[in-house]
Amino acid sequence: MVAFNELYQQVAFVLSMKCEDFALQGTHLTPEELWEFCLKYLWQHEKPEQLHIHSLIADLFSLSMQDYWRLHSAESS
């Protein structure tokens, strides 16, 4: 069975790339913070064994800074 920490290791490079992209736009996150965000908001109803690497990577590449702040600020409301 695949665990979330194994999935994290497989997409760590993409998480780092996305964090660098966000940093260029003024939002500074660590790969771990972005991972926790994705687990909470994008994949909250998924089990690790149901997630596929290509889907995780597609979700990460399609995540915009606007999406990040919209989902993040919805929690504080």
C-alpha atoms as a PDB file:
ATOM      1  CA  MET A   1       0.000   0.000   0.000  1.00  0.00           C
ATOM      2  CA  VAL A   2       1.254   3.462  -0.890  1.00  0.00           C
ATOM      3  CA  ALA A   3       1.435   6.020   1.918  1.00  0.00           C
ATOM      4  CA  PHE A   4       1.232   9.784   1.612  1.00  0.00           C
ATOM      5  CA  ASN A   5       4.900  10.148   2.607  1.00  0.00           C
ATOM      6  CA  GLU A   6       5.908   7.859  -0.283  1.00  0.00           C
ATOM      7  CA  LEU A   7       3.844   9.980  -2.659  1.00  0.00           C
ATOM      8  CA  TYR A   8       5.490  13.095  -1.251  1.00  0.00           C
ATOM      9  CA  GLN A   9       8.932  11.714  -2.060  1.00  0.00           C
ATOM     10  CA  GLN A  10       7.839  10.987  -5.621  1.00  0.00           C
ATOM     11  CA  VAL A  11       6.544  14.515  -6.273  1.00  0.00           C
ATOM     12  CA  ALA A  12       9.006  16.484  -4.097  1.00  0.00           C
ATOM     13  CA  PHE A  13      10.771  17.938  -7.141  1.00  0.00           C
ATOM     14  CA  VAL A  14       7.489  19.230  -8.594  1.00  0.00           C
ATOM     15  CA  LEU A  15       6.519  20.694  -5.213  1.00  0.00           C
ATOM     16  CA  SER A  16       9.847  22.536  -5.100  1.00  0.00           C
ATOM     17  CA  MET A  17       9.336  23.853  -8.628  1.00  0.00           C
ATOM     18  CA  LYS A  18       5.843  25.102  -7.780  1.00  0.00           C
ATOM     19  CA  CYS A  19       7.143  26.800  -4.621  1.00  0.00           C
ATOM     20  CA  GLU A  20       9.797  28.565  -6.703  1.00  0.00           C
ATOM     21  CA  ASP A  21       7.086  29.676  -9.133  1.00  0.00           C
ATOM     22  CA  PHE A  22       4.957  31.027  -6.274  1.00  0.00           C
ATOM     23  CA  ALA A  23       8.010  32.792  -4.792  1.00  0.00           C
ATOM     24  CA  LEU A  24       8.514  34.667  -8.065  1.00  0.00           C
ATOM     25  CA  GLN A  25       4.937  35.895  -7.646  1.00  0.00           C
ATOM     26  CA  GLY A  26       5.473  36.943  -4.021  1.00  0.00           C
ATOM     27  CA  THR A  27       4.118  33.952  -2.080  1.00  0.00           C
ATOM     28  CA  HIS A  28       6.761  32.035  -0.172  1.00  0.00           C
ATOM     29  CA  LEU A  29       5.951  28.442   0.791  1.00  0.00           C
ATOM     30  CA  THR A  30       8.021  25.413   1.592  1.00  0.00           C
ATOM     31  CA  PRO A  31       7.379  22.200  -0.326  1.00  0.00           C
ATOM     32  CA  GLU A  32       6.060  20.717   2.927  1.00  0.00           C
ATOM     33  CA  GLU A  33       3.568  23.567   3.363  1.00  0.00           C
ATOM     34  CA  LEU A  34       2.376  23.177  -0.212  1.00  0.00           C
ATOM     35  CA  TRP A  35       2.050  19.412   0.277  1.00  0.00           C
ATOM     36  CA  GLU A  36      -0.066  19.907   3.417  1.00  0.00           C
ATOM     37  CA  PHE A  37      -2.211  22.431   1.551  1.00  0.00           C
ATOM     38  CA  CYS A  38      -2.803  19.968  -1.295  1.00  0.00           C
ATOM     39  CA  LEU A  39      -3.667  17.157   1.104  1.00  0.00           C
ATOM     40  CA  LYS A  40      -6.147  19.410   2.891  1.00  0.00           C
ATOM     41  CA  TYR A  41      -7.788  21.129  -0.077  1.00  0.00           C
ATOM     42  CA  LEU A  42      -7.165  19.178  -3.270  1.00  0.00           C
ATOM     43  CA  TRP A  43      -7.017  15.576  -2.142  1.00  0.00           C
ATOM     44  CA  GLN A  44      -8.931  15.627   1.144  1.00  0.00           C
ATOM     45  CA  HIS A  45     -11.302  12.849   0.072  1.00  0.00           C
ATOM     46  CA  GLU A  46      -8.652  10.645  -1.494  1.00  0.00           C
ATOM     47  CA  LYS A  47      -6.860   7.646  -0.073  1.00  0.00           C
ATOM     48  CA  PRO A  48      -3.158   7.298  -0.900  1.00  0.00           C
ATOM     49  CA  GLU A  49      -3.719   4.158  -2.955  1.00  0.00           C
ATOM     50  CA  GLN A  50      -6.297   5.987  -5.109  1.00  0.00           C
ATOM     51  CA  LEU A  51      -3.902   8.764  -6.082  1.00  0.00           C
ATOM     52  CA  HIS A  52      -1.760   8.399  -9.171  1.00  0.00           C
ATOM     53  CA  ILE A  53       1.502  10.259  -9.671  1.00  0.00           C
ATOM     54  CA  HIS A  54       0.397  11.742 -12.992  1.00  0.00           C
ATOM     55  CA  SER A  55      -2.752  13.155 -11.347  1.00  0.00           C
ATOM     56  CA  LEU A  56      -0.788  14.662  -8.466  1.00  0.00           C
ATOM     57  CA  ILE A  57       1.645  16.302 -10.857  1.00  0.00           C
ATOM     58  CA  ALA A  58      -1.175  17.610 -13.062  1.00  0.00           C
ATOM     59  CA  ASP A  59      -2.903  19.091  -9.998  1.00  0.00           C
ATOM     60  CA  LEU A  60       0.312  20.757  -8.870  1.00  0.00           C
ATOM     61  CA  PHE A  61       1.056  22.211 -12.302  1.00  0.00           C
ATOM     62  CA  SER A  62      -2.495  23.516 -12.682  1.00  0.00           C
ATOM     63  CA  LEU A  63      -2.601  25.123  -9.216  1.00  0.00           C
ATOM     64  CA  SER A  64      -2.430  28.882  -9.571  1.00  0.00           C
ATOM     65  CA  MET A  65      -1.525  31.352  -6.880  1.00  0.00           C
ATOM     66  CA  GLN A  66      -5.077  32.714  -7.115  1.00  0.00           C
ATOM     67  CA  ASP A  67      -6.464  29.219  -6.464  1.00  0.00           C
ATOM     68  CA  TYR A  68      -4.105  28.832  -3.529  1.00  0.00           C
ATOM     69  CA  TRP A  69      -5.194  32.087  -1.900  1.00  0.00           C
ATOM     70  CA  ARG A  70      -8.886  31.519  -2.673  1.00  0.00           C
ATOM     71  CA  LEU A  71      -8.884  28.116  -0.981  1.00  0.00           C
ATOM     72  CA  HIS A  72      -6.591  29.249   1.815  1.00  0.00           C
ATOM     73  CA  SER A  73      -8.650  32.346   2.650  1.00  0.00           C
ATOM     74  CA  ALA A  74     -11.958  30.449   2.443  1.00  0.00           C
ATOM     75  CA  GLU A  75     -10.864  28.570   5.556  1.00  0.00           C
ATOM     76  CA  SER A  76     -10.320  31.778   7.522  1.00  0.00           C
ATOM     77  CA  SER A  77     -13.767  33.124   6.634  1.00  0.00           C
END
